[in-house]
Amino acid sequence: LLPDGKTTELANYEPENLFNPRMPRYIAVNAMCG
């Protein structure tokens, strides 16, 4: 969420590469930008 209220994409993940019950994941560092 940008300061002007608009949204921007920070990271994209293919199926089963983010919320996978068999394997937890860290998100990309660039998504943790403040």
All heavy atoms as atom14 arrays in JSON, in Angstrom:
{
  "sequence": "LLPDGKTTELANYEPENLFNPRMPRYIAVNAMCG",
  "atom14_mask": [
    [1, 1, 1, 1, 1, 1, 1, 1, 0, 0, 0, 0, 0, 0],
    [1, 1, 1, 1, 1, 1, 1, 1, 0, 0, 0, 0, 0, 0],
    [1, 1, 1, 1, 1, 1, 1, 0, 0, 0, 0, 0, 0, 0],
    [1, 1, 1, 1, 1, 1, 1, 1, 0, 0, 0, 0, 0, 0],
    [1, 1, 1, 1, 0, 0, 0, 0, 0, 0, 0, 0, 0, 0],
    [1, 1, 1, 1, 1, 1, 1, 1, 1, 0, 0, 0, 0, 0],
    [1, 1, 1, 1, 1, 1, 1, 0, 0, 0, 0, 0, 0, 0],
    [1, 1, 1, 1, 1, 1, 1, 0, 0, 0, 0, 0, 0, 0],
    [1, 1, 1, 1, 1, 1, 1, 1, 1, 0, 0, 0, 0, 0],
    [1, 1, 1, 1, 1, 1, 1, 1, 0, 0, 0, 0, 0, 0],
    [1, 1, 1, 1, 1, 0, 0, 0, 0, 0, 0, 0, 0, 0],
    [1, 1, 1, 1, 1, 1, 1, 1, 0, 0, 0, 0, 0, 0],
    [1, 1, 1, 1, 1, 1, 1, 1, 1, 1, 1, 1, 0, 0],
    [1, 1, 1, 1, 1, 1, 1, 1, 1, 0, 0, 0, 0, 0],
    [1, 1, 1, 1, 1, 1, 1, 0, 0, 0, 0, 0, 0, 0],
    [1, 1, 1, 1, 1, 1, 1, 1, 1, 0, 0, 0, 0, 0],
    [1, 1, 1, 1, 1, 1, 1, 1, 0, 0, 0, 0, 0, 0],
    [1, 1, 1, 1, 1, 1, 1, 1, 0, 0, 0, 0, 0, 0],
    [1, 1, 1, 1, 1, 1, 1, 1, 1, 1, 1, 0, 0, 0],
    [1, 1, 1, 1, 1, 1, 1, 1, 0, 0, 0, 0, 0, 0],
    [1, 1, 1, 1, 1, 1, 1, 0, 0, 0, 0, 0, 0, 0],
    [1, 1, 1, 1, 1, 1, 1, 1, 1, 1, 1, 0, 0, 0],
    [1, 1, 1, 1, 1, 1, 1, 1, 0, 0, 0, 0, 0, 0],
    [1, 1, 1, 1, 1, 1, 1, 0, 0, 0, 0, 0, 0, 0],
    [1, 1, 1, 1, 1, 1, 1, 1, 1, 1, 1, 0, 0, 0],
    [1, 1, 1, 1, 1, 1, 1, 1, 1, 1, 1, 1, 0, 0],
    [1, 1, 1, 1, 1, 1, 1, 1, 0, 0, 0, 0, 0, 0],
    [1, 1, 1, 1, 1, 0, 0, 0, 0, 0, 0, 0, 0, 0],
    [1, 1, 1, 1, 1, 1, 1, 0, 0, 0, 0, 0, 0, 0],
    [1, 1, 1, 1, 1, 1, 1, 1, 0, 0, 0, 0, 0, 0],
    [1, 1, 1, 1, 1, 0, 0, 0, 0, 0, 0, 0, 0, 0],
    [1, 1, 1, 1, 1, 1, 1, 1, 0, 0, 0, 0, 0, 0],
    [1, 1, 1, 1, 1, 1, 0, 0, 0, 0, 0, 0, 0, 0],
    [1, 1, 1, 1, 0, 0, 0, 0, 0, 0, 0, 0, 0, 0]
  ],
  "atom14_positions": [
    [[0.86, -1.19, 0.0], [0.0, 0.0, 0.0], [0.89, 1.24, 0.0], [1.62, 1.5, 0.97], [-0.92, 0.0, 1.23], [-1.9, 1.15, 1.34], [-2.88, 1.15, 0.17], [-2.65, 1.07, 2.67], [0.0, 0.0, 0.0], [0.0, 0.0, 0.0], [0.0, 0.0, 0.0], [0.0, 0.0, 0.0], [0.0, 0.0, 0.0], [0.0, 0.0, 0.0]],
    [[0.83, 1.99, -1.08], [1.63, 3.21, -1.21], [1.01, 4.34, -0.39], [-0.19, 4.31, -0.09], [1.72, 3.61, -2.69], [2.4, 2.59, -3.6], [2.24, 2.98, -5.06], [3.87, 2.45, -3.24], [0.0, 0.0, 0.0], [0.0, 0.0, 0.0], [0.0, 0.0, 0.0], [0.0, 0.0, 0.0], [0.0, 0.0, 0.0], [0.0, 0.0, 0.0]],
    [[1.8, 5.35, -0.03], [1.28, 6.47, 0.77], [0.08, 7.19, 0.14], [-0.76, 7.71, 0.84], [2.48, 7.42, 0.9], [3.66, 6.53, 0.76], [3.25, 5.46, -0.23], [0.0, 0.0, 0.0], [0.0, 0.0, 0.0], [0.0, 0.0, 0.0], [0.0, 0.0, 0.0], [0.0, 0.0, 0.0], [0.0, 0.0, 0.0], [0.0, 0.0, 0.0]],
    [[-0.03, 7.16, -1.2], [-1.16, 7.82, -1.87], [-2.41, 6.94, -1.93], [-3.41, 7.33, -2.53], [-0.77, 8.3, -3.26], [-0.43, 7.16, -4.22], [-0.56, 5.97, -3.84], [-0.04, 7.46, -5.36], [0.0, 0.0, 0.0], [0.0, 0.0, 0.0], [0.0, 0.0, 0.0], [0.0, 0.0, 0.0], [0.0, 0.0, 0.0], [0.0, 0.0, 0.0]],
    [[-2.36, 5.76, -1.3], [-3.51, 4.87, -1.27], [-3.59, 3.87, -2.4], [-4.46, 3.0, -2.41], [0.0, 0.0, 0.0], [0.0, 0.0, 0.0], [0.0, 0.0, 0.0], [0.0, 0.0, 0.0], [0.0, 0.0, 0.0], [0.0, 0.0, 0.0], [0.0, 0.0, 0.0], [0.0, 0.0, 0.0], [0.0, 0.0, 0.0], [0.0, 0.0, 0.0]],
    [[-2.68, 3.97, -3.37], [-2.66, 3.02, -4.47], [-1.9, 1.76, -4.04], [-1.12, 1.8, -3.09], [-1.99, 3.64, -5.7], [-2.79, 4.78, -6.27], [-2.11, 5.36, -7.48], [-2.92, 6.55, -8.0], [-2.27, 7.19, -9.13], [0.0, 0.0, 0.0], [0.0, 0.0, 0.0], [0.0, 0.0, 0.0], [0.0, 0.0, 0.0], [0.0, 0.0, 0.0]],
    [[-2.13, 0.67, -4.76], [-1.41, -0.57, -4.45], [-0.39, -0.85, -5.54], [-0.54, -0.42, -6.68], [-2.38, -1.77, -4.33], [-3.06, -1.95, -5.58], [-3.39, -1.56, -3.23], [0.0, 0.0, 0.0], [0.0, 0.0, 0.0], [0.0, 0.0, 0.0], [0.0, 0.0, 0.0], [0.0, 0.0, 0.0], [0.0, 0.0, 0.0], [0.0, 0.0, 0.0]],
    [[0.64, -1.6, -5.15], [1.66, -2.02, -6.09], [2.02, -3.47, -5.81], [1.96, -3.91, -4.66], [2.92, -1.12, -5.99], [3.84, -1.49, -7.01], [3.59, -1.22, -4.63], [0.0, 0.0, 0.0], [0.0, 0.0, 0.0], [0.0, 0.0, 0.0], [0.0, 0.0, 0.0], [0.0, 0.0, 0.0], [0.0, 0.0, 0.0], [0.0, 0.0, 0.0]],
    [[2.35, -4.22, -6.85], [2.77, -5.61, -6.69], [4.21, -5.64, -6.2], [5.09, -5.03, -6.8], [2.65, -6.38, -7.99], [1.23, -6.7, -8.38], [1.15, -7.61, -9.59], [2.19, -8.11, -10.08], [0.02, -7.84, -10.05], [0.0, 0.0, 0.0], [0.0, 0.0, 0.0], [0.0, 0.0, 0.0], [0.0, 0.0, 0.0], [0.0, 0.0, 0.0]],
    [[4.43, -6.37, -5.12], [5.78, -6.5, -4.58], [6.41, -7.85, -4.89], [7.62, -7.95, -5.0], [5.74, -6.3, -3.05], [5.23, -4.94, -2.58], [5.11, -4.93, -1.06], [6.14, -3.83, -3.06], [0.0, 0.0, 0.0], [0.0, 0.0, 0.0], [0.0, 0.0, 0.0], [0.0, 0.0, 0.0], [0.0, 0.0, 0.0], [0.0, 0.0, 0.0]],
    [[5.59, -8.89, -5.02], [6.1, -10.23, -5.31], [4.97, -11.1, -5.83], [3.81, -10.91, -5.46], [6.71, -10.85, -4.06], [0.0, 0.0, 0.0], [0.0, 0.0, 0.0], [0.0, 0.0, 0.0], [0.0, 0.0, 0.0], [0.0, 0.0, 0.0], [0.0, 0.0, 0.0], [0.0, 0.0, 0.0], [0.0, 0.0, 0.0], [0.0, 0.0, 0.0]],
    [[5.34, -12.05, -6.69], [4.39, -13.03, -7.22], [4.92, -14.42, -6.98], [6.13, -14.65, -7.07], [4.18, -12.82, -8.73], [3.46, -11.53, -9.02], [2.3, -11.4, -8.69], [4.16, -10.58, -9.63], [0.0, 0.0, 0.0], [0.0, 0.0, 0.0], [0.0, 0.0, 0.0], [0.0, 0.0, 0.0], [0.0, 0.0, 0.0], [0.0, 0.0, 0.0]],
    [[4.02, -15.35, -6.69], [4.4, -16.74, -6.4], [3.53, -17.69, -7.2], [2.32, -17.49, -7.31], [4.24, -17.04, -4.9], [5.2, -16.25, -4.06], [4.86, -14.98, -3.62], [6.44, -16.76, -3.74], [5.76, -14.24, -2.86], [7.34, -16.02, -2.98], [6.99, -14.76, -2.55], [7.87, -14.03, -1.81], [0.0, 0.0, 0.0], [0.0, 0.0, 0.0]],
    [[4.14, -18.71, -7.76], [3.42, -19.76, -8.47], [2.68, -20.64, -7.47], [3.0, -20.63, -6.28], [4.41, -20.6, -9.29], [5.06, -19.83, -10.42], [4.05, -19.3, -11.42], [3.14, -20.05, -11.81], [4.16, -18.12, -11.8], [0.0, 0.0, 0.0], [0.0, 0.0, 0.0], [0.0, 0.0, 0.0], [0.0, 0.0, 0.0], [0.0, 0.0, 0.0]],
    [[1.71, -21.44, -7.95], [0.98, -22.33, -7.04], [1.94, -23.19, -6.2], [2.95, -23.66, -6.71], [0.14, -23.2, -7.97], [-0.06, -22.35, -9.18], [1.22, -21.55, -9.33], [0.0, 0.0, 0.0], [0.0, 0.0, 0.0], [0.0, 0.0, 0.0], [0.0, 0.0, 0.0], [0.0, 0.0, 0.0], [0.0, 0.0, 0.0], [0.0, 0.0, 0.0]],
    [[1.6, -23.34, -4.96], [2.32, -24.14, -3.97], [3.7, -23.59, -3.61], [4.48, -24.25, -2.96], [2.43, -25.6, -4.42], [1.05, -26.25, -4.57], [1.09, -27.74, -4.53], [2.04, -28.32, -3.98], [0.14, -28.32, -5.05], [0.0, 0.0, 0.0], [0.0, 0.0, 0.0], [0.0, 0.0, 0.0], [0.0, 0.0, 0.0], [0.0, 0.0, 0.0]],
    [[4.0, -22.35, -4.02], [5.29, -21.76, -3.66], [5.21, -20.73, -2.55], [6.21, -20.11, -2.23], [5.96, -21.12, -4.89], [6.59, -22.15, -5.78], [6.75, -23.3, -5.4], [6.93, -21.75, -6.99], [0.0, 0.0, 0.0], [0.0, 0.0, 0.0], [0.0, 0.0, 0.0], [0.0, 0.0, 0.0], [0.0, 0.0, 0.0], [0.0, 0.0, 0.0]],
    [[4.03, -20.54, -1.97], [3.93, -19.6, -0.86], [3.22, -20.24, 0.32], [3.85, -20.57, 1.31], [3.23, -18.3, -1.28], [3.24, -17.19, -0.24], [4.67, -16.77, 0.1], [2.46, -15.99, -0.72], [0.0, 0.0, 0.0], [0.0, 0.0, 0.0], [0.0, 0.0, 0.0], [0.0, 0.0, 0.0], [0.0, 0.0, 0.0], [0.0, 0.0, 0.0]],
    [[1.92, -20.46, 0.21], [1.17, -21.11, 1.29], [0.99, -22.59, 0.93], [0.01, -22.98, 0.33], [-0.18, -20.43, 1.51], [-0.04, -19.09, 2.14], [-0.22, -17.94, 1.4], [0.28, -18.96, 3.48], [-0.1, -16.69, 1.98], [0.41, -17.72, 4.08], [0.22, -16.59, 3.32], [0.0, 0.0, 0.0], [0.0, 0.0, 0.0], [0.0, 0.0, 0.0]],
    [[1.99, -23.38, 1.28], [2.0, -24.8, 1.0], [2.01, -25.55, 2.34], [2.97, -25.41, 3.1], [3.24, -25.15, 0.18], [3.33, -26.6, -0.17], [2.73, -27.46, 0.45], [4.12, -26.88, -1.2], [0.0, 0.0, 0.0], [0.0, 0.0, 0.0], [0.0, 0.0, 0.0], [0.0, 0.0, 0.0], [0.0, 0.0, 0.0], [0.0, 0.0, 0.0]],
    [[0.95, -26.33, 2.64], [0.92, -27.02, 3.93], [2.1, -27.95, 4.19], [2.45, -28.24, 5.32], [-0.4, -27.81, 3.87], [-1.25, -27.02, 2.93], [-0.29, -26.48, 1.9], [0.0, 0.0, 0.0], [0.0, 0.0, 0.0], [0.0, 0.0, 0.0], [0.0, 0.0, 0.0], [0.0, 0.0, 0.0], [0.0, 0.0, 0.0], [0.0, 0.0, 0.0]],
    [[2.75, -28.41, 3.13], [3.88, -29.32, 3.3], [5.21, -28.6, 3.49], [6.18, -29.19, 3.95], [3.98, -30.25, 2.1], [2.81, -31.22, 2.02], [2.94, -32.17, 0.84], [3.28, -31.52, -0.41], [2.39, -31.0, -1.27], [1.12, -31.03, -0.98], [2.78, -30.45, -2.38], [0.0, 0.0, 0.0], [0.0, 0.0, 0.0], [0.0, 0.0, 0.0]],
    [[5.28, -27.31, 3.08], [6.56, -26.61, 3.15], [6.37, -25.11, 3.36], [6.07, -24.39, 2.43], [7.37, -26.84, 1.87], [8.74, -26.2, 1.93], [9.75, -26.61, 0.51], [9.96, -28.36, 0.73], [0.0, 0.0, 0.0], [0.0, 0.0, 0.0], [0.0, 0.0, 0.0], [0.0, 0.0, 0.0], [0.0, 0.0, 0.0], [0.0, 0.0, 0.0]],
    [[6.52, -24.63, 4.59], [6.43, -23.18, 4.84], [7.52, -22.43, 4.09], [8.59, -22.99, 3.8], [6.65, -23.09, 6.35], [6.39, -24.45, 6.87], [6.77, -25.41, 5.78], [0.0, 0.0, 0.0], [0.0, 0.0, 0.0], [0.0, 0.0, 0.0], [0.0, 0.0, 0.0], [0.0, 0.0, 0.0], [0.0, 0.0, 0.0], [0.0, 0.0, 0.0]],
    [[7.25, -21.18, 3.76], [8.19, -20.38, 2.97], [8.37, -18.98, 3.54], [7.45, -18.4, 4.08], [7.65, -20.2, 1.55], [7.33, -21.43, 0.81], [8.54, -21.95, 0.12], [8.12, -23.11, -0.67], [8.9, -23.76, -1.44], [10.15, -23.39, -1.58], [8.49, -24.81, -2.09], [0.0, 0.0, 0.0], [0.0, 0.0, 0.0], [0.0, 0.0, 0.0]],
    [[9.57, -18.44, 3.32], [9.81, -17.02, 3.56], [9.38, -16.26, 2.31], [9.51, -16.78, 1.2], [11.29, -16.74, 3.81], [11.72, -17.01, 5.22], [12.33, -18.21, 5.57], [11.5, -16.08, 6.22], [12.72, -18.48, 6.86], [11.89, -16.32, 7.53], [12.49, -17.52, 7.84], [12.86, -17.78, 9.12], [0.0, 0.0, 0.0], [0.0, 0.0, 0.0]],
    [[8.9, -15.02, 2.49], [8.57, -14.22, 1.31], [9.84, -13.5, 0.85], [10.82, -13.38, 1.58], [7.43, -13.23, 1.57], [7.82, -12.14, 2.57], [6.16, -13.95, 2.02], [6.8, -11.0, 2.66], [0.0, 0.0, 0.0], [0.0, 0.0, 0.0], [0.0, 0.0, 0.0], [0.0, 0.0, 0.0], [0.0, 0.0, 0.0], [0.0, 0.0, 0.0]],
    [[9.79, -13.0, -0.38], [10.93, -12.31, -0.97], [11.31, -11.09, -0.14], [10.44, -10.39, 0.4], [10.58, -11.87, -2.39], [0.0, 0.0, 0.0], [0.0, 0.0, 0.0], [0.0, 0.0, 0.0], [0.0, 0.0, 0.0], [0.0, 0.0, 0.0], [0.0, 0.0, 0.0], [0.0, 0.0, 0.0], [0.0, 0.0, 0.0], [0.0, 0.0, 0.0]],
    [[12.58, -10.84, -0.02], [13.09, -9.72, 0.77], [12.53, -8.39, 0.27], [12.2, -7.51, 1.06], [14.63, -9.71, 0.75], [15.18, -8.47, 1.42], [15.17, -10.95, 1.43], [0.0, 0.0, 0.0], [0.0, 0.0, 0.0], [0.0, 0.0, 0.0], [0.0, 0.0, 0.0], [0.0, 0.0, 0.0], [0.0, 0.0, 0.0], [0.0, 0.0, 0.0]],
    [[12.38, -8.25, -1.05], [11.89, -6.97, -1.59], [10.45, -6.69, -1.18], [10.02, -5.54, -1.21], [12.04, -6.9, -3.11], [11.22, -7.96, -3.82], [11.01, -9.05, -3.31], [10.78, -7.64, -5.02], [0.0, 0.0, 0.0], [0.0, 0.0, 0.0], [0.0, 0.0, 0.0], [0.0, 0.0, 0.0], [0.0, 0.0, 0.0], [0.0, 0.0, 0.0]],
    [[9.69, -7.7, -0.77], [8.32, -7.47, -0.3], [8.31, -6.86, 1.1], [7.34, -6.23, 1.5], [7.52, -8.77, -0.31], [0.0, 0.0, 0.0], [0.0, 0.0, 0.0], [0.0, 0.0, 0.0], [0.0, 0.0, 0.0], [0.0, 0.0, 0.0], [0.0, 0.0, 0.0], [0.0, 0.0, 0.0], [0.0, 0.0, 0.0], [0.0, 0.0, 0.0]],
    [[9.4, -7.01, 1.83], [9.51, -6.44, 3.17], [10.19, -5.07, 3.07], [11.28, -4.84, 3.58], [10.29, -7.38, 4.09], [9.62, -8.72, 4.29], [8.0, -8.61, 5.06], [8.44, -8.12, 6.72], [0.0, 0.0, 0.0], [0.0, 0.0, 0.0], [0.0, 0.0, 0.0], [0.0, 0.0, 0.0], [0.0, 0.0, 0.0], [0.0, 0.0, 0.0]],
    [[9.53, -4.15, 2.38], [10.13, -2.85, 2.07], [9.63, -1.71, 2.96], [9.91, -0.55, 2.69], [9.88, -2.51, 0.61], [8.13, -2.38, 0.21], [0.0, 0.0, 0.0], [0.0, 0.0, 0.0], [0.0, 0.0, 0.0], [0.0, 0.0, 0.0], [0.0, 0.0, 0.0], [0.0, 0.0, 0.0], [0.0, 0.0, 0.0], [0.0, 0.0, 0.0]],
    [[8.88, -2.04, 4.01], [8.38, -1.02, 4.92], [6.94, -0.6, 4.67], [6.36, 0.1, 5.48], [0.0, 0.0, 0.0], [0.0, 0.0, 0.0], [0.0, 0.0, 0.0], [0.0, 0.0, 0.0], [0.0, 0.0, 0.0], [0.0, 0.0, 0.0], [0.0, 0.0, 0.0], [0.0, 0.0, 0.0], [0.0, 0.0, 0.0], [0.0, 0.0, 0.0]]
  ]
}
